[in-house]
Amino acid sequence: MHSDIERQAQMADRLRKVPPDAQPPYDWLEYRRREQIRAAGNDARPNVSLSFVAVAATLMLLVVGSIVLLGHRRATHVVAHRPPPVEMLDSAAAERWLSNLPPEPVIVRFGTRVAVTSLEDRIAQVDDLLTAANFEGSQPARIAALREERGVLVTSLVQVRYAEALAANAAQ
């Protein structure tokens, strides 16, 4: 406990030995004088003309706009693959065609996106039902009906995605 008091006394001695501030803070008159000197120094800087700034800004906008436009054109290039006729479309051919499409078109329309998502969800449900029916050893008629429903859903999905790809190409 005695050592704490000694440490505090040593700290107080050190603080007393610290020199006071070299310059006291200046008053309002000194502030105005220094500000006038600073303002006079700013007048000596060269003036950049407003027209030079406007030309530089215009050039910058042109460059950025060109980059954005070129990037946008590259990104929106969608190739619509012609699907086989619906009458001759089997489920395997339809799924191969769908797998060659990009996951989502660049230009998305709300109506077709809802239809695509709904059809994909329903196909996933039928796939689950088919898996369960095969696992449980259900009746062959039930399995055949589920496979037929899946084929119809895949064909519908192909038609909607094809229309979506055509609309994306037309918008370019």
C-alpha atoms as a PDB file:
ATOM      1  CA  MET A   1       0.000   0.000   0.000  1.00  0.00           C
ATOM      2  CA  HIS A   2       2.894   2.288   0.773  1.00  0.00           C
ATOM      3  CA  SER A   3       4.266   1.765  -2.736  1.00  0.00           C
ATOM      4  CA  ASP A   4       1.043   3.127  -4.323  1.00  0.00           C
ATOM      5  CA  ILE A   5       1.439   6.402  -2.474  1.00  0.00           C
ATOM      6  CA  GLU A   6       5.092   6.609  -3.523  1.00  0.00           C
ATOM      7  CA  ARG A   7       4.159   5.977  -7.162  1.00  0.00           C
ATOM      8  CA  GLN A   8       1.530   8.698  -7.065  1.00  0.00           C
ATOM      9  CA  ALA A   9       4.083  11.137  -5.565  1.00  0.00           C
ATOM     10  CA  GLN A  10       6.590  10.278  -8.301  1.00  0.00           C
ATOM     11  CA  MET A  11       3.928  10.808 -10.959  1.00  0.00           C
ATOM     12  CA  ALA A  12       3.031  14.199  -9.469  1.00  0.00           C
ATOM     13  CA  ASP A  13       6.710  15.224  -9.530  1.00  0.00           C
ATOM     14  CA  ARG A  14       7.023  14.235 -13.178  1.00  0.00           C
ATOM     15  CA  LEU A  15       3.897  16.197 -14.071  1.00  0.00           C
ATOM     16  CA  ARG A  16       5.241  19.306 -12.332  1.00  0.00           C
ATOM     17  CA  LYS A  17       8.432  19.060 -14.416  1.00  0.00           C
ATOM     18  CA  VAL A  18       6.500  19.086 -17.715  1.00  0.00           C
ATOM     19  CA  PRO A  19       7.053  22.508 -19.337  1.00  0.00           C
ATOM     20  CA  PRO A  20       4.007  24.725 -19.874  1.00  0.00           C
ATOM     21  CA  ASP A  21       2.647  25.323 -23.374  1.00  0.00           C
ATOM     22  CA  ALA A  22       5.032  27.348 -25.470  1.00  0.00           C
ATOM     23  CA  GLN A  23       2.381  29.682 -26.900  1.00  0.00           C
ATOM     24  CA  PRO A  24      -0.882  30.713 -25.322  1.00  0.00           C
ATOM     25  CA  PRO A  25      -3.957  30.503 -27.582  1.00  0.00           C
ATOM     26  CA  TYR A  26      -4.488  33.585 -29.711  1.00  0.00           C
ATOM     27  CA  ASP A  27      -7.427  35.983 -29.552  1.00  0.00           C
ATOM     28  CA  TRP A  28      -9.966  37.180 -32.143  1.00  0.00           C
ATOM     29  CA  LEU A  29      -7.762  39.925 -33.570  1.00  0.00           C
ATOM     30  CA  GLU A  30      -4.892  37.488 -34.134  1.00  0.00           C
ATOM     31  CA  TYR A  31      -7.304  35.031 -35.761  1.00  0.00           C
ATOM     32  CA  ARG A  32      -8.565  37.714 -38.215  1.00  0.00           C
ATOM     33  CA  ARG A  33      -5.001  38.750 -39.053  1.00  0.00           C
ATOM     34  CA  ARG A  34      -3.985  35.151 -39.812  1.00  0.00           C
ATOM     35  CA  GLU A  35      -7.161  34.588 -41.845  1.00  0.00           C
ATOM     36  CA  GLN A  36      -6.445  37.682 -43.991  1.00  0.00           C
ATOM     37  CA  ILE A  37      -2.937  36.402 -44.686  1.00  0.00           C
ATOM     38  CA  ARG A  38      -4.327  32.973 -45.597  1.00  0.00           C
ATOM     39  CA  ALA A  39      -6.980  34.513 -47.887  1.00  0.00           C
ATOM     40  CA  ALA A  40      -4.355  36.636 -49.660  1.00  0.00           C
ATOM     41  CA  GLY A  41      -2.284  33.473 -50.222  1.00  0.00           C
ATOM     42  CA  ASN A  42      -5.251  31.671 -51.824  1.00  0.00           C
ATOM     43  CA  ASP A  43      -5.602  34.418 -54.432  1.00  0.00           C
ATOM     44  CA  ALA A  44      -2.125  33.623 -55.711  1.00  0.00           C
ATOM     45  CA  ARG A  45      -3.185  30.100 -56.825  1.00  0.00           C
ATOM     46  CA  PRO A  46      -3.938  29.668 -60.514  1.00  0.00           C
ATOM     47  CA  ASN A  47      -7.602  29.686 -61.448  1.00  0.00           C
ATOM     48  CA  VAL A  48      -8.966  26.644 -63.253  1.00  0.00           C
ATOM     49  CA  SER A  49     -11.492  27.812 -65.777  1.00  0.00           C
ATOM     50  CA  LEU A  50     -15.014  26.521 -65.543  1.00  0.00           C
ATOM     51  CA  SER A  51     -15.041  25.532 -69.209  1.00  0.00           C
ATOM     52  CA  PHE A  52     -12.051  23.229 -68.657  1.00  0.00           C
ATOM     53  CA  VAL A  53     -13.908  21.456 -65.838  1.00  0.00           C
ATOM     54  CA  ALA A  54     -17.043  21.143 -67.994  1.00  0.00           C
ATOM     55  CA  VAL A  55     -15.075  19.607 -70.889  1.00  0.00           C
ATOM     56  CA  ALA A  56     -13.345  17.155 -68.558  1.00  0.00           C
ATOM     57  CA  ALA A  57     -16.651  16.109 -66.991  1.00  0.00           C
ATOM     58  CA  THR A  58     -18.254  15.619 -70.420  1.00  0.00           C
ATOM     59  CA  LEU A  59     -15.375  13.449 -71.592  1.00  0.00           C
ATOM     60  CA  MET A  60     -15.582  11.383 -68.424  1.00  0.00           C
ATOM     61  CA  LEU A  61     -19.320  10.837 -68.910  1.00  0.00           C
ATOM     62  CA  LEU A  62     -18.764   9.759 -72.510  1.00  0.00           C
ATOM     63  CA  VAL A  63     -16.120   7.234 -71.525  1.00  0.00           C
ATOM     64  CA  VAL A  64     -18.178   5.780 -68.672  1.00  0.00           C
ATOM     65  CA  GLY A  65     -21.319   5.680 -70.834  1.00  0.00           C
ATOM     66  CA  SER A  66     -19.478   3.854 -73.612  1.00  0.00           C
ATOM     67  CA  ILE A  67     -18.139   1.273 -71.191  1.00  0.00           C
ATOM     68  CA  VAL A  68     -21.569   0.692 -69.670  1.00  0.00           C
ATOM     69  CA  LEU A  69     -23.234   0.478 -73.090  1.00  0.00           C
ATOM     70  CA  LEU A  70     -20.700  -2.002 -74.457  1.00  0.00           C
ATOM     71  CA  GLY A  71     -20.890  -4.115 -71.321  1.00  0.00           C
ATOM     72  CA  HIS A  72     -24.693  -4.088 -71.450  1.00  0.00           C
ATOM     73  CA  ARG A  73     -24.782  -5.206 -75.077  1.00  0.00           C
ATOM     74  CA  ARG A  74     -22.469  -8.110 -74.340  1.00  0.00           C
ATOM     75  CA  ALA A  75     -24.510  -9.156 -71.330  1.00  0.00           C
ATOM     76  CA  THR A  76     -27.887  -9.097 -73.090  1.00  0.00           C
ATOM     77  CA  HIS A  77     -26.894 -11.352 -75.964  1.00  0.00           C
ATOM     78  CA  VAL A  78     -29.226 -14.334 -75.633  1.00  0.00           C
ATOM     79  CA  VAL A  79     -29.470 -17.005 -78.268  1.00  0.00           C
ATOM     80  CA  ALA A  80     -32.872 -18.548 -78.637  1.00  0.00           C
ATOM     81  CA  HIS A  81     -32.401 -22.160 -79.595  1.00  0.00           C
ATOM     82  CA  ARG A  82     -35.271 -23.444 -81.658  1.00  0.00           C
ATOM     83  CA  PRO A  83     -36.866 -26.321 -79.773  1.00  0.00           C
ATOM     84  CA  PRO A  84     -38.052 -29.430 -81.620  1.00  0.00           C
ATOM     85  CA  PRO A  85     -41.748 -29.492 -82.582  1.00  0.00           C
ATOM     86  CA  VAL A  86     -43.924 -30.083 -79.531  1.00  0.00           C
ATOM     87  CA  GLU A  87     -45.566 -33.145 -81.092  1.00  0.00           C
ATOM     88  CA  MET A  88     -42.209 -34.941 -81.412  1.00  0.00           C
ATOM     89  CA  LEU A  89     -40.819 -33.661 -78.108  1.00  0.00           C
ATOM     90  CA  ASP A  90     -39.936 -36.374 -75.648  1.00  0.00           C
ATOM     91  CA  SER A  91     -39.022 -35.615 -72.061  1.00  0.00           C
ATOM     92  CA  ALA A  92     -35.309 -36.353 -72.520  1.00  0.00           C
ATOM     93  CA  ALA A  93     -34.998 -34.047 -75.560  1.00  0.00           C
ATOM     94  CA  ALA A  94     -36.871 -31.294 -73.735  1.00  0.00           C
ATOM     95  CA  GLU A  95     -34.610 -31.566 -70.700  1.00  0.00           C
ATOM     96  CA  ARG A  96     -31.485 -31.502 -72.898  1.00  0.00           C
ATOM     97  CA  TRP A  97     -32.769 -28.335 -74.583  1.00  0.00           C
ATOM     98  CA  LEU A  98     -33.553 -26.752 -71.217  1.00  0.00           C
ATOM     99  CA  SER A  99     -30.087 -27.595 -69.880  1.00  0.00           C
ATOM    100  CA  ASN A 100     -28.485 -25.648 -72.771  1.00  0.00           C
ATOM    101  CA  LEU A 101     -30.329 -22.451 -71.818  1.00  0.00           C
ATOM    102  CA  PRO A 102     -28.872 -19.964 -69.352  1.00  0.00           C
ATOM    103  CA  PRO A 103     -30.401 -20.309 -65.875  1.00  0.00           C
ATOM    104  CA  GLU A 104     -32.228 -16.993 -66.213  1.00  0.00           C
ATOM    105  CA  PRO A 105     -32.504 -14.670 -69.178  1.00  0.00           C
ATOM    106  CA  VAL A 106     -30.962 -11.234 -68.919  1.00  0.00           C
ATOM    107  CA  ILE A 107     -34.296  -9.529 -69.564  1.00  0.00           C
ATOM    108  CA  VAL A 108     -36.806 -10.885 -67.082  1.00  0.00           C
ATOM    109  CA  ARG A 109     -40.529 -10.389 -67.448  1.00  0.00           C
ATOM    110  CA  PHE A 110     -42.614 -10.919 -64.339  1.00  0.00           C
ATOM    111  CA  GLY A 111     -45.347 -13.029 -65.969  1.00  0.00           C
ATOM    112  CA  THR A 112     -43.026 -15.525 -67.621  1.00  0.00           C
ATOM    113  CA  ARG A 113     -40.749 -15.666 -64.563  1.00  0.00           C
ATOM    114  CA  VAL A 114     -43.736 -16.626 -62.380  1.00  0.00           C
ATOM    115  CA  ALA A 115     -44.773 -19.293 -64.885  1.00  0.00           C
ATOM    116  CA  VAL A 116     -41.236 -20.716 -65.109  1.00  0.00           C
ATOM    117  CA  THR A 117     -40.834 -20.815 -61.333  1.00  0.00           C
ATOM    118  CA  SER A 118     -44.250 -22.427 -60.849  1.00  0.00           C
ATOM    119  CA  LEU A 119     -43.554 -25.079 -63.498  1.00  0.00           C
ATOM    120  CA  GLU A 120     -40.106 -25.837 -62.052  1.00  0.00           C
ATOM    121  CA  ASP A 121     -41.608 -26.181 -58.564  1.00  0.00           C
ATOM    122  CA  ARG A 122     -44.354 -28.488 -59.820  1.00  0.00           C
ATOM    123  CA  ILE A 123     -41.802 -30.639 -61.711  1.00  0.00           C
ATOM    124  CA  ALA A 124     -39.802 -30.950 -58.476  1.00  0.00           C
ATOM    125  CA  GLN A 125     -42.954 -32.033 -56.621  1.00  0.00           C
ATOM    126  CA  VAL A 126     -43.740 -34.670 -59.244  1.00  0.00           C
ATOM    127  CA  ASP A 127     -40.138 -35.888 -59.076  1.00  0.00           C
ATOM    128  CA  ASP A 128     -40.509 -36.305 -55.312  1.00  0.00           C
ATOM    129  CA  LEU A 129     -43.784 -38.185 -55.781  1.00  0.00           C
ATOM    130  CA  LEU A 130     -42.161 -40.426 -58.414  1.00  0.00           C
ATOM    131  CA  THR A 131     -39.258 -41.207 -56.109  1.00  0.00           C
ATOM    132  CA  ALA A 132     -41.611 -42.051 -53.253  1.00  0.00           C
ATOM    133  CA  ALA A 133     -43.837 -44.164 -55.527  1.00  0.00           C
ATOM    134  CA  ASN A 134     -40.858 -46.126 -56.865  1.00  0.00           C
ATOM    135  CA  PHE A 135     -39.490 -46.622 -53.341  1.00  0.00           C
ATOM    136  CA  GLU A 136     -42.836 -47.806 -51.936  1.00  0.00           C
ATOM    137  CA  GLY A 137     -43.522 -50.078 -54.938  1.00  0.00           C
ATOM    138  CA  SER A 138     -46.763 -48.321 -55.912  1.00  0.00           C
ATOM    139  CA  GLN A 139     -49.034 -49.493 -58.677  1.00  0.00           C
ATOM    140  CA  PRO A 140     -47.590 -49.202 -62.202  1.00  0.00           C
ATOM    141  CA  ALA A 141     -50.597 -47.105 -63.283  1.00  0.00           C
ATOM    142  CA  ARG A 142     -49.811 -44.505 -60.611  1.00  0.00           C
ATOM    143  CA  ILE A 143     -46.146 -44.333 -61.681  1.00  0.00           C
ATOM    144  CA  ALA A 144     -47.136 -44.053 -65.357  1.00  0.00           C
ATOM    145  CA  ALA A 145     -49.574 -41.216 -64.556  1.00  0.00           C
ATOM    146  CA  LEU A 146     -46.863 -39.316 -62.649  1.00  0.00           C
ATOM    147  CA  ARG A 147     -44.401 -39.770 -65.522  1.00  0.00           C
ATOM    148  CA  GLU A 148     -47.002 -38.514 -68.003  1.00  0.00           C
ATOM    149  CA  GLU A 149     -47.733 -35.483 -65.830  1.00  0.00           C
ATOM    150  CA  ARG A 150     -44.003 -34.772 -65.582  1.00  0.00           C
ATOM    151  CA  GLY A 151     -43.672 -34.942 -69.382  1.00  0.00           C
ATOM    152  CA  VAL A 152     -46.509 -32.441 -69.838  1.00  0.00           C
ATOM    153  CA  LEU A 153     -44.943 -30.086 -67.294  1.00  0.00           C
ATOM    154  CA  VAL A 154     -41.514 -30.282 -68.961  1.00  0.00           C
ATOM    155  CA  THR A 155     -43.094 -29.584 -72.365  1.00  0.00           C
ATOM    156  CA  SER A 156     -44.883 -26.552 -70.921  1.00  0.00           C
ATOM    157  CA  LEU A 157     -41.643 -25.342 -69.370  1.00  0.00           C
ATOM    158  CA  VAL A 158     -39.895 -25.644 -72.741  1.00  0.00           C
ATOM    159  CA  GLN A 159     -42.595 -23.565 -74.407  1.00  0.00           C
ATOM    160  CA  VAL A 160     -42.447 -20.809 -71.772  1.00  0.00           C
ATOM    161  CA  ARG A 161     -38.625 -20.658 -71.779  1.00  0.00           C
ATOM    162  CA  TYR A 162     -38.614 -20.549 -75.596  1.00  0.00           C
ATOM    163  CA  ALA A 163     -41.064 -17.634 -75.546  1.00  0.00           C
ATOM    164  CA  GLU A 164     -38.878 -15.951 -72.930  1.00  0.00           C
ATOM    165  CA  ALA A 165     -35.774 -16.357 -75.123  1.00  0.00           C
ATOM    166  CA  LEU A 166     -37.618 -14.973 -78.154  1.00  0.00           C
ATOM    167  CA  ALA A 167     -38.770 -11.954 -76.164  1.00  0.00           C
ATOM    168  CA  ALA A 168     -35.208 -11.346 -74.948  1.00  0.00           C
ATOM    169  CA  ASN A 169     -33.891 -11.440 -78.546  1.00  0.00           C
ATOM    170  CA  ALA A 170     -36.666  -9.130 -79.763  1.00  0.00           C
ATOM    171  CA  ALA A 171     -35.830  -6.571 -77.085  1.00  0.00           C
ATOM    172  CA  GLN A 172     -32.250  -6.230 -78.308  1.00  0.00           C
END
